Amino acid sequence: MVQASQQKGAKVLILGMQLPPNYGVRYTTAFAEVFPKVAQEHDAALVPFVLEGVGGVPALMQNDGIHPTAEAQPKLLENVWPTLKPLL
């Protein structure tokens, strides 16, 4: 997807994600390493962890514990904007 987007002239921003530790160290580490690897391979911008300061904060997460609430949106913008703005 990154390569196809760049071939069409798009500037790509990869939003890194992390998994909860209950998936096990080996899997969560391998998962987290994918985002910077892809960003580096394709010279794409990267936000290392889009949910920084949000994930694991019950007041900012929906009941499923996976998805952020509306109240989390300003923090998500704060996480993304410094990397996104130069691409616009």
PDB file of N, CA and C in Angstrom:
ATOM      1  N   MET A   1       0.817  -1.183   0.000  1.00  0.00           N
ATOM      2  CA  MET A   1       0.000   0.000   0.000  1.00  0.00           C
ATOM      3  C   MET A   1       0.864   1.251   0.000  1.00  0.00           C
ATOM      4  N   VAL A   2       1.935   1.231   0.783  1.00  0.00           N
ATOM      5  CA  VAL A   2       2.825   2.388   0.824  1.00  0.00           C
ATOM      6  C   VAL A   2       3.423   2.631  -0.553  1.00  0.00           C
ATOM      7  N   GLN A   3       3.950   1.595  -1.149  1.00  0.00           N
ATOM      8  CA  GLN A   3       4.588   1.728  -2.463  1.00  0.00           C
ATOM      9  C   GLN A   3       3.586   2.198  -3.515  1.00  0.00           C
ATOM     10  N   ALA A   4       2.411   1.616  -3.536  1.00  0.00           N
ATOM     11  CA  ALA A   4       1.393   2.007  -4.517  1.00  0.00           C
ATOM     12  C   ALA A   4       0.985   3.466  -4.324  1.00  0.00           C
ATOM     13  N   SER A   5       0.857   3.889  -3.082  1.00  0.00           N
ATOM     14  CA  SER A   5       0.490   5.277  -2.793  1.00  0.00           C
ATOM     15  C   SER A   5       1.583   6.235  -3.247  1.00  0.00           C
ATOM     16  N   GLN A   6       2.828   5.888  -2.936  1.00  0.00           N
ATOM     17  CA  GLN A   6       3.940   6.750  -3.340  1.00  0.00           C
ATOM     18  C   GLN A   6       4.086   6.815  -4.852  1.00  0.00           C
ATOM     19  N   GLN A   7       3.825   5.717  -5.532  1.00  0.00           N
ATOM     20  CA  GLN A   7       3.910   5.722  -6.993  1.00  0.00           C
ATOM     21  C   GLN A   7       2.884   6.657  -7.615  1.00  0.00           C
ATOM     22  N   LYS A   8       1.802   6.899  -6.912  1.00  0.00           N
ATOM     23  CA  LYS A   8       0.780   7.827  -7.393  1.00  0.00           C
ATOM     24  C   LYS A   8       1.043   9.255  -6.926  1.00  0.00           C
ATOM     25  N   GLY A   9       2.166   9.445  -6.227  1.00  0.00           N
ATOM     26  CA  GLY A   9       2.543  10.787  -5.814  1.00  0.00           C
ATOM     27  C   GLY A   9       2.132  11.176  -4.403  1.00  0.00           C
ATOM     28  N   ALA A  10       1.563  10.243  -3.664  1.00  0.00           N
ATOM     29  CA  ALA A  10       1.129  10.553  -2.293  1.00  0.00           C
ATOM     30  C   ALA A  10       2.313  10.550  -1.331  1.00  0.00           C
ATOM     31  N   LYS A  11       2.257  11.421  -0.357  1.00  0.00           N
ATOM     32  CA  LYS A  11       3.187  11.383   0.758  1.00  0.00           C
ATOM     33  C   LYS A  11       2.537  10.500   1.820  1.00  0.00           C
ATOM     34  N   VAL A  12       3.274   9.546   2.310  1.00  0.00           N
ATOM     35  CA  VAL A  12       2.704   8.544   3.206  1.00  0.00           C
ATOM     36  C   VAL A  12       3.140   8.807   4.644  1.00  0.00           C
ATOM     37  N   LEU A  13       2.189   8.712   5.542  1.00  0.00           N
ATOM     38  CA  LEU A  13       2.431   8.788   6.976  1.00  0.00           C
ATOM     39  C   LEU A  13       1.972   7.478   7.588  1.00  0.00           C
ATOM     40  N   ILE A  14       2.903   6.777   8.208  1.00  0.00           N
ATOM     41  CA  ILE A  14       2.592   5.504   8.858  1.00  0.00           C
ATOM     42  C   ILE A  14       2.340   5.768  10.331  1.00  0.00           C
ATOM     43  N   LEU A  15       1.201   5.298  10.801  1.00  0.00           N
ATOM     44  CA  LEU A  15       0.839   5.449  12.207  1.00  0.00           C
ATOM     45  C   LEU A  15       1.134   4.140  12.921  1.00  0.00           C
ATOM     46  N   GLY A  16       2.192   4.149  13.705  1.00  0.00           N
ATOM     47  CA  GLY A  16       2.612   2.951  14.421  1.00  0.00           C
ATOM     48  C   GLY A  16       1.613   2.563  15.501  1.00  0.00           C
ATOM     49  N   MET A  17       1.564   1.285  15.758  1.00  0.00           N
ATOM     50  CA  MET A  17       0.648   0.734  16.751  1.00  0.00           C
ATOM     51  C   MET A  17       1.408  -0.258  17.610  1.00  0.00           C
ATOM     52  N   GLN A  18       0.937  -0.458  18.807  1.00  0.00           N
ATOM     53  CA  GLN A  18       1.477  -1.462  19.711  1.00  0.00           C
ATOM     54  C   GLN A  18       0.333  -2.309  20.223  1.00  0.00           C
ATOM     55  N   LEU A  19       0.655  -3.530  20.569  1.00  0.00           N
ATOM     56  CA  LEU A  19      -0.337  -4.445  21.117  1.00  0.00           C
ATOM     57  C   LEU A  19      -0.204  -4.512  22.630  1.00  0.00           C
ATOM     58  N   PRO A  20      -1.272  -4.874  23.314  1.00  0.00           N
ATOM     59  CA  PRO A  20      -1.172  -5.076  24.760  1.00  0.00           C
ATOM     60  C   PRO A  20      -0.212  -6.232  25.065  1.00  0.00           C
ATOM     61  N   PRO A  21       0.410  -6.201  26.238  1.00  0.00           N
ATOM     62  CA  PRO A  21       1.415  -7.213  26.570  1.00  0.00           C
ATOM     63  C   PRO A  21       0.886  -8.638  26.684  1.00  0.00           C
ATOM     64  N   ASN A  22      -0.418  -8.806  26.788  1.00  0.00           N
ATOM     65  CA  ASN A  22      -0.955 -10.163  26.938  1.00  0.00           C
ATOM     66  C   ASN A  22      -0.784 -11.012  25.675  1.00  0.00           C
ATOM     67  N   TYR A  23      -0.330 -10.414  24.588  1.00  0.00           N
ATOM     68  CA  TYR A  23      -0.035 -11.177  23.370  1.00  0.00           C
ATOM     69  C   TYR A  23       1.325 -11.857  23.449  1.00  0.00           C
ATOM     70  N   GLY A  24       2.110 -11.509  24.455  1.00  0.00           N
ATOM     71  CA  GLY A  24       3.434 -12.095  24.622  1.00  0.00           C
ATOM     72  C   GLY A  24       4.514 -11.192  24.052  1.00  0.00           C
ATOM     73  N   VAL A  25       5.683 -11.232  24.682  1.00  0.00           N
ATOM     74  CA  VAL A  25       6.786 -10.345  24.324  1.00  0.00           C
ATOM     75  C   VAL A  25       7.227 -10.549  22.882  1.00  0.00           C
ATOM     76  N   ARG A  26       7.386 -11.776  22.475  1.00  0.00           N
ATOM     77  CA  ARG A  26       7.881 -12.048  21.116  1.00  0.00           C
ATOM     78  C   ARG A  26       6.956 -11.469  20.054  1.00  0.00           C
ATOM     79  N   TYR A  27       5.676 -11.708  20.184  1.00  0.00           N
ATOM     80  CA  TYR A  27       4.717 -11.242  19.186  1.00  0.00           C
ATOM     81  C   TYR A  27       4.564  -9.724  19.227  1.00  0.00           C
ATOM     82  N   THR A  28       4.438  -9.150  20.430  1.00  0.00           N
ATOM     83  CA  THR A  28       4.245  -7.697  20.515  1.00  0.00           C
ATOM     84  C   THR A  28       5.467  -6.947  20.012  1.00  0.00           C
ATOM     85  N   THR A  29       6.658  -7.470  20.269  1.00  0.00           N
ATOM     86  CA  THR A  29       7.881  -6.839  19.775  1.00  0.00           C
ATOM     87  C   THR A  29       7.944  -6.901  18.254  1.00  0.00           C
ATOM     88  N   ALA A  30       7.684  -8.074  17.701  1.00  0.00           N
ATOM     89  CA  ALA A  30       7.709  -8.229  16.240  1.00  0.00           C
ATOM     90  C   ALA A  30       6.672  -7.320  15.583  1.00  0.00           C
ATOM     91  N   PHE A  31       5.497  -7.235  16.166  1.00  0.00           N
ATOM     92  CA  PHE A  31       4.430  -6.388  15.639  1.00  0.00           C
ATOM     93  C   PHE A  31       4.866  -4.920  15.636  1.00  0.00           C
ATOM     94  N   ALA A  32       5.384  -4.438  16.760  1.00  0.00           N
ATOM     95  CA  ALA A  32       5.790  -3.036  16.883  1.00  0.00           C
ATOM     96  C   ALA A  32       6.931  -2.687  15.936  1.00  0.00           C
ATOM     97  N   GLU A  33       7.788  -3.645  15.634  1.00  0.00           N
ATOM     98  CA  GLU A  33       8.936  -3.392  14.762  1.00  0.00           C
ATOM     99  C   GLU A  33       8.559  -3.251  13.290  1.00  0.00           C
ATOM    100  N   VAL A  34       7.386  -3.699  12.912  1.00  0.00           N
ATOM    101  CA  VAL A  34       6.962  -3.630  11.511  1.00  0.00           C
ATOM    102  C   VAL A  34       6.836  -2.183  11.036  1.00  0.00           C
ATOM    103  N   PHE A  35       6.274  -1.325  11.844  1.00  0.00           N
ATOM    104  CA  PHE A  35       5.978   0.041  11.420  1.00  0.00           C
ATOM    105  C   PHE A  35       7.235   0.846  11.101  1.00  0.00           C
ATOM    106  N   PRO A  36       8.224   0.883  12.000  1.00  0.00           N
ATOM    107  CA  PRO A  36       9.444   1.621  11.625  1.00  0.00           C
ATOM    108  C   PRO A  36      10.198   0.972  10.474  1.00  0.00           C
ATOM    109  N   LYS A  37      10.131  -0.337  10.367  1.00  0.00           N
ATOM    110  CA  LYS A  37      10.808  -1.030   9.266  1.00  0.00           C
ATOM    111  C   LYS A  37      10.207  -0.615   7.921  1.00  0.00           C
ATOM    112  N   VAL A  38       8.896  -0.629   7.832  1.00  0.00           N
ATOM    113  CA  VAL A  38       8.220  -0.239   6.585  1.00  0.00           C
ATOM    114  C   VAL A  38       8.483   1.231   6.286  1.00  0.00           C
ATOM    115  N   ALA A  39       8.419   2.073   7.297  1.00  0.00           N
ATOM    116  CA  ALA A  39       8.680   3.501   7.094  1.00  0.00           C
ATOM    117  C   ALA A  39      10.094   3.714   6.553  1.00  0.00           C
ATOM    118  N   GLN A  40      11.064   3.026   7.122  1.00  0.00           N
ATOM    119  CA  GLN A  40      12.445   3.177   6.676  1.00  0.00           C
ATOM    120  C   GLN A  40      12.626   2.634   5.265  1.00  0.00           C
ATOM    121  N   GLU A  41      12.074   1.481   4.983  1.00  0.00           N
ATOM    122  CA  GLU A  41      12.226   0.869   3.658  1.00  0.00           C
ATOM    123  C   GLU A  41      11.643   1.723   2.553  1.00  0.00           C
ATOM    124  N   HIS A  42      10.613   2.505   2.879  1.00  0.00           N
ATOM    125  CA  HIS A  42       9.922   3.296   1.863  1.00  0.00           C
ATOM    126  C   HIS A  42      10.117   4.799   2.044  1.00  0.00           C
ATOM    127  N   ASP A  43      11.023   5.170   2.933  1.00  0.00           N
ATOM    128  CA  ASP A  43      11.287   6.583   3.202  1.00  0.00           C
ATOM    129  C   ASP A  43       9.977   7.330   3.463  1.00  0.00           C
ATOM    130  N   ALA A  44       9.168   6.755   4.344  1.00  0.00           N
ATOM    131  CA  ALA A  44       7.870   7.333   4.699  1.00  0.00           C
ATOM    132  C   ALA A  44       7.958   7.919   6.105  1.00  0.00           C
ATOM    133  N   ALA A  45       7.132   8.905   6.359  1.00  0.00           N
ATOM    134  CA  ALA A  45       7.059   9.496   7.689  1.00  0.00           C
ATOM    135  C   ALA A  45       6.425   8.502   8.653  1.00  0.00           C
ATOM    136  N   LEU A  46       6.775   8.641   9.935  1.00  0.00           N
ATOM    137  CA  LEU A  46       6.304   7.681  10.942  1.00  0.00           C
ATOM    138  C   LEU A  46       5.951   8.380  12.238  1.00  0.00           C
ATOM    139  N   VAL A  47       4.789   8.047  12.761  1.00  0.00           N
ATOM    140  CA  VAL A  47       4.434   8.333  14.149  1.00  0.00           C
ATOM    141  C   VAL A  47       4.604   6.999  14.861  1.00  0.00           C
ATOM    142  N   PRO A  48       5.601   6.868  15.739  1.00  0.00           N
ATOM    143  CA  PRO A  48       5.920   5.553  16.303  1.00  0.00           C
ATOM    144  C   PRO A  48       4.755   4.839  16.999  1.00  0.00           C
ATOM    145  N   PHE A  49       3.947   5.585  17.761  1.00  0.00           N
ATOM    146  CA  PHE A  49       2.798   4.966  18.452  1.00  0.00           C
ATOM    147  C   PHE A  49       1.682   5.987  18.511  1.00  0.00           C
ATOM    148  N   VAL A  50       0.728   5.856  17.627  1.00  0.00           N
ATOM    149  CA  VAL A  50      -0.344   6.846  17.508  1.00  0.00           C
ATOM    150  C   VAL A  50      -1.152   6.991  18.798  1.00  0.00           C
ATOM    151  N   LEU A  51      -1.226   5.946  19.606  1.00  0.00           N
ATOM    152  CA  LEU A  51      -2.007   6.001  20.841  1.00  0.00           C
ATOM    153  C   LEU A  51      -1.173   6.384  22.065  1.00  0.00           C
ATOM    154  N   GLU A  52       0.006   6.959  21.854  1.00  0.00           N
ATOM    155  CA  GLU A  52       0.849   7.387  22.972  1.00  0.00           C
ATOM    156  C   GLU A  52       0.053   8.317  23.885  1.00  0.00           C
ATOM    157  N   GLY A  53       0.026   8.004  25.180  1.00  0.00           N
ATOM    158  CA  GLY A  53      -0.711   8.820  26.138  1.00  0.00           C
ATOM    159  C   GLY A  53      -2.204   8.581  26.142  1.00  0.00           C
ATOM    160  N   VAL A  54      -2.671   7.676  25.294  1.00  0.00           N
ATOM    161  CA  VAL A  54      -4.100   7.360  25.194  1.00  0.00           C
ATOM    162  C   VAL A  54      -4.334   5.886  25.525  1.00  0.00           C
ATOM    163  N   GLY A  55      -3.587   5.012  24.873  1.00  0.00           N
ATOM    164  CA  GLY A  55      -3.732   3.582  25.106  1.00  0.00           C
ATOM    165  C   GLY A  55      -3.466   3.245  26.561  1.00  0.00           C
ATOM    166  N   GLY A  56      -4.350   2.491  27.147  1.00  0.00           N
ATOM    167  CA  GLY A  56      -4.191   2.107  28.539  1.00  0.00           C
ATOM    168  C   GLY A  56      -4.738   3.127  29.528  1.00  0.00           C
ATOM    169  N   VAL A  57      -5.262   4.233  29.034  1.00  0.00           N
ATOM    170  CA  VAL A  57      -5.888   5.241  29.901  1.00  0.00           C
ATOM    171  C   VAL A  57      -7.398   5.020  29.808  1.00  0.00           C
ATOM    172  N   PRO A  58      -7.999   4.395  30.820  1.00  0.00           N
ATOM    173  CA  PRO A  58      -9.420   4.015  30.737  1.00  0.00           C
ATOM    174  C   PRO A  58     -10.355   5.153  30.338  1.00  0.00           C
ATOM    175  N   ALA A  59     -10.109   6.355  30.816  1.00  0.00           N
ATOM    176  CA  ALA A  59     -10.996   7.487  30.503  1.00  0.00           C
ATOM    177  C   ALA A  59     -10.929   7.896  29.036  1.00  0.00           C
ATOM    178  N   LEU A  60      -9.881   7.467  28.323  1.00  0.00           N
ATOM    179  CA  LEU A  60      -9.721   7.837  26.924  1.00  0.00           C
ATOM    180  C   LEU A  60      -9.992   6.690  25.963  1.00  0.00           C
ATOM    181  N   MET A  61     -10.373   5.549  26.520  1.00  0.00           N
ATOM    182  CA  MET A  61     -10.626   4.372  25.686  1.00  0.00           C
ATOM    183  C   MET A  61     -12.082   3.940  25.815  1.00  0.00           C
ATOM    184  N   GLN A  62     -12.631   3.411  24.725  1.00  0.00           N
ATOM    185  CA  GLN A  62     -13.987   2.870  24.764  1.00  0.00           C
ATOM    186  C   GLN A  62     -14.004   1.611  25.628  1.00  0.00           C
ATOM    187  N   ASN A  63     -15.183   1.128  25.923  1.00  0.00           N
ATOM    188  CA  ASN A  63     -15.334  -0.042  26.792  1.00  0.00           C
ATOM    189  C   ASN A  63     -14.591  -1.268  26.277  1.00  0.00           C
ATOM    190  N   ASP A  64     -14.351  -1.347  24.968  1.00  0.00           N
ATOM    191  CA  ASP A  64     -13.631  -2.511  24.436  1.00  0.00           C
ATOM    192  C   ASP A  64     -12.146  -2.463  24.765  1.00  0.00           C
ATOM    193  N   GLY A  65     -11.671  -1.327  25.280  1.00  0.00           N
ATOM    194  CA  GLY A  65     -10.266  -1.189  25.641  1.00  0.00           C
ATOM    195  C   GLY A  65      -9.323  -1.100  24.456  1.00  0.00           C
ATOM    196  N   ILE A  66      -9.868  -1.028  23.258  1.00  0.00           N
ATOM    197  CA  ILE A  66      -9.067  -1.019  22.038  1.00  0.00           C
ATOM    198  C   ILE A  66      -9.153   0.320  21.304  1.00  0.00           C
ATOM    199  N   HIS A  67     -10.338   0.878  21.265  1.00  0.00           N
ATOM    200  CA  HIS A  67     -10.577   2.075  20.460  1.00  0.00           C
ATOM    201  C   HIS A  67     -10.677   3.318  21.338  1.00  0.00           C
ATOM    202  N   PRO A  68     -10.055   4.407  20.896  1.00  0.00           N
ATOM    203  CA  PRO A  68     -10.119   5.653  21.671  1.00  0.00           C
ATOM    204  C   PRO A  68     -11.504   6.298  21.605  1.00  0.00           C
ATOM    205  N   THR A  69     -11.795   7.077  22.623  1.00  0.00           N
ATOM    206  CA  THR A  69     -13.058   7.812  22.699  1.00  0.00           C
ATOM    207  C   THR A  69     -12.930   9.159  21.994  1.00  0.00           C
ATOM    208  N   ALA A  70     -14.035   9.862  21.917  1.00  0.00           N
ATOM    209  CA  ALA A  70     -14.027  11.219  21.353  1.00  0.00           C
ATOM    210  C   ALA A  70     -13.125  12.125  22.194  1.00  0.00           C
ATOM    211  N   GLU A  71     -13.083  11.911  23.490  1.00  0.00           N
ATOM    212  CA  GLU A  71     -12.256  12.725  24.376  1.00  0.00           C
ATOM    213  C   GLU A  71     -10.759  12.550  24.103  1.00  0.00           C
ATOM    214  N   ALA A  72     -10.391  11.447  23.483  1.00  0.00           N
ATOM    215  CA  ALA A  72      -8.980  11.171  23.176  1.00  0.00           C
ATOM    216  C   ALA A  72      -8.508  11.883  21.920  1.00  0.00           C
ATOM    217  N   GLN A  73      -9.426  12.402  21.126  1.00  0.00           N
ATOM    218  CA  GLN A  73      -9.050  12.961  19.832  1.00  0.00           C
ATOM    219  C   GLN A  73      -8.042  14.104  19.909  1.00  0.00           C
ATOM    220  N   PRO A  74      -8.148  15.025  20.857  1.00  0.00           N
ATOM    221  CA  PRO A  74      -7.113  16.075  20.928  1.00  0.00           C
ATOM    222  C   PRO A  74      -5.703  15.509  21.164  1.00  0.00           C
ATOM    223  N   LYS A  75      -5.594  14.479  21.975  1.00  0.00           N
ATOM    224  CA  LYS A  75      -4.292  13.857  22.225  1.00  0.00           C
ATOM    225  C   LYS A  75      -3.794  13.158  20.964  1.00  0.00           C
ATOM    226  N   LEU A  76      -4.681  12.494  20.233  1.00  0.00           N
ATOM    227  CA  LEU A  76      -4.283  11.843  18.984  1.00  0.00           C
ATOM    228  C   LEU A  76      -3.792  12.884  17.982  1.00  0.00           C
ATOM    229  N   LEU A  77      -4.483  14.004  17.902  1.00  0.00           N
ATOM    230  CA  LEU A  77      -4.034  15.092  17.027  1.00  0.00           C
ATOM    231  C   LEU A  77      -2.652  15.574  17.449  1.00  0.00           C
ATOM    232  N   GLU A  78      -2.438  15.734  18.734  1.00  0.00           N
ATOM    233  CA  GLU A  78      -1.136  16.155  19.255  1.00  0.00           C
ATOM    234  C   GLU A  78      -0.048  15.145  18.865  1.00  0.00           C
ATOM    235  N   ASN A  79      -0.389  13.872  18.857  1.00  0.00           N
ATOM    236  CA  ASN A  79       0.574  12.831  18.487  1.00  0.00           C
ATOM    237  C   ASN A  79       0.910  12.854  16.999  1.00  0.00           C
ATOM    238  N   VAL A  80      -0.076  13.144  16.175  1.00  0.00           N
ATOM    239  CA  VAL A  80       0.073  13.023  14.727  1.00  0.00           C
ATOM    240  C   VAL A  80       0.492  14.324  14.041  1.00  0.00           C
ATOM    241  N   TRP A  81      -0.033  15.441  14.486  1.00  0.00           N
ATOM    242  CA  TRP A  81       0.123  16.703  13.757  1.00  0.00           C
ATOM    243  C   TRP A  81       1.568  17.106  13.473  1.00  0.00           C
ATOM    244  N   PRO A  82       2.497  16.994  14.419  1.00  0.00           N
ATOM    245  CA  PRO A  82       3.865  17.431  14.115  1.00  0.00           C
ATOM    246  C   PRO A  82       4.505  16.667  12.945  1.00  0.00           C
ATOM    247  N   THR A  83       4.111  15.437  12.730  1.00  0.00           N
ATOM    248  CA  THR A  83       4.649  14.650  11.635  1.00  0.00           C
ATOM    249  C   THR A  83       3.822  14.812  10.363  1.00  0.00           C
ATOM    250  N   LEU A  84       2.529  15.030  10.523  1.00  0.00           N
ATOM    251  CA  LEU A  84       1.642  15.189   9.372  1.00  0.00           C
ATOM    252  C   LEU A  84       1.785  16.568   8.716  1.00  0.00           C
ATOM    253  N   LYS A  85       1.881  17.607   9.508  1.00  0.00           N
ATOM    254  CA  LYS A  85       1.887  18.977   8.973  1.00  0.00           C
ATOM    255  C   LYS A  85       2.921  19.189   7.876  1.00  0.00           C
ATOM    256  N   PRO A  86       4.175  18.746   8.043  1.00  0.00           N
ATOM    257  CA  PRO A  86       5.162  18.963   6.971  1.00  0.00           C
ATOM    258  C   PRO A  86       4.839  18.237   5.662  1.00  0.00           C
ATOM    259  N   LEU A  87       3.966  17.252   5.731  1.00  0.00           N
ATOM    260  CA  LEU A  87       3.612  16.511   4.520  1.00  0.00           C
ATOM    261  C   LEU A  87       2.525  17.191   3.703  1.00  0.00           C
ATOM    262  N   LEU A  88       1.854  18.149   4.313  1.00  0.00           N
ATOM    263  CA  LEU A  88       0.730  18.815   3.644  1.00  0.00           C
ATOM    264  C   LEU A  88       1.183  19.920   2.719  1.00  0.00           C
TER     265      LEU A  88
END
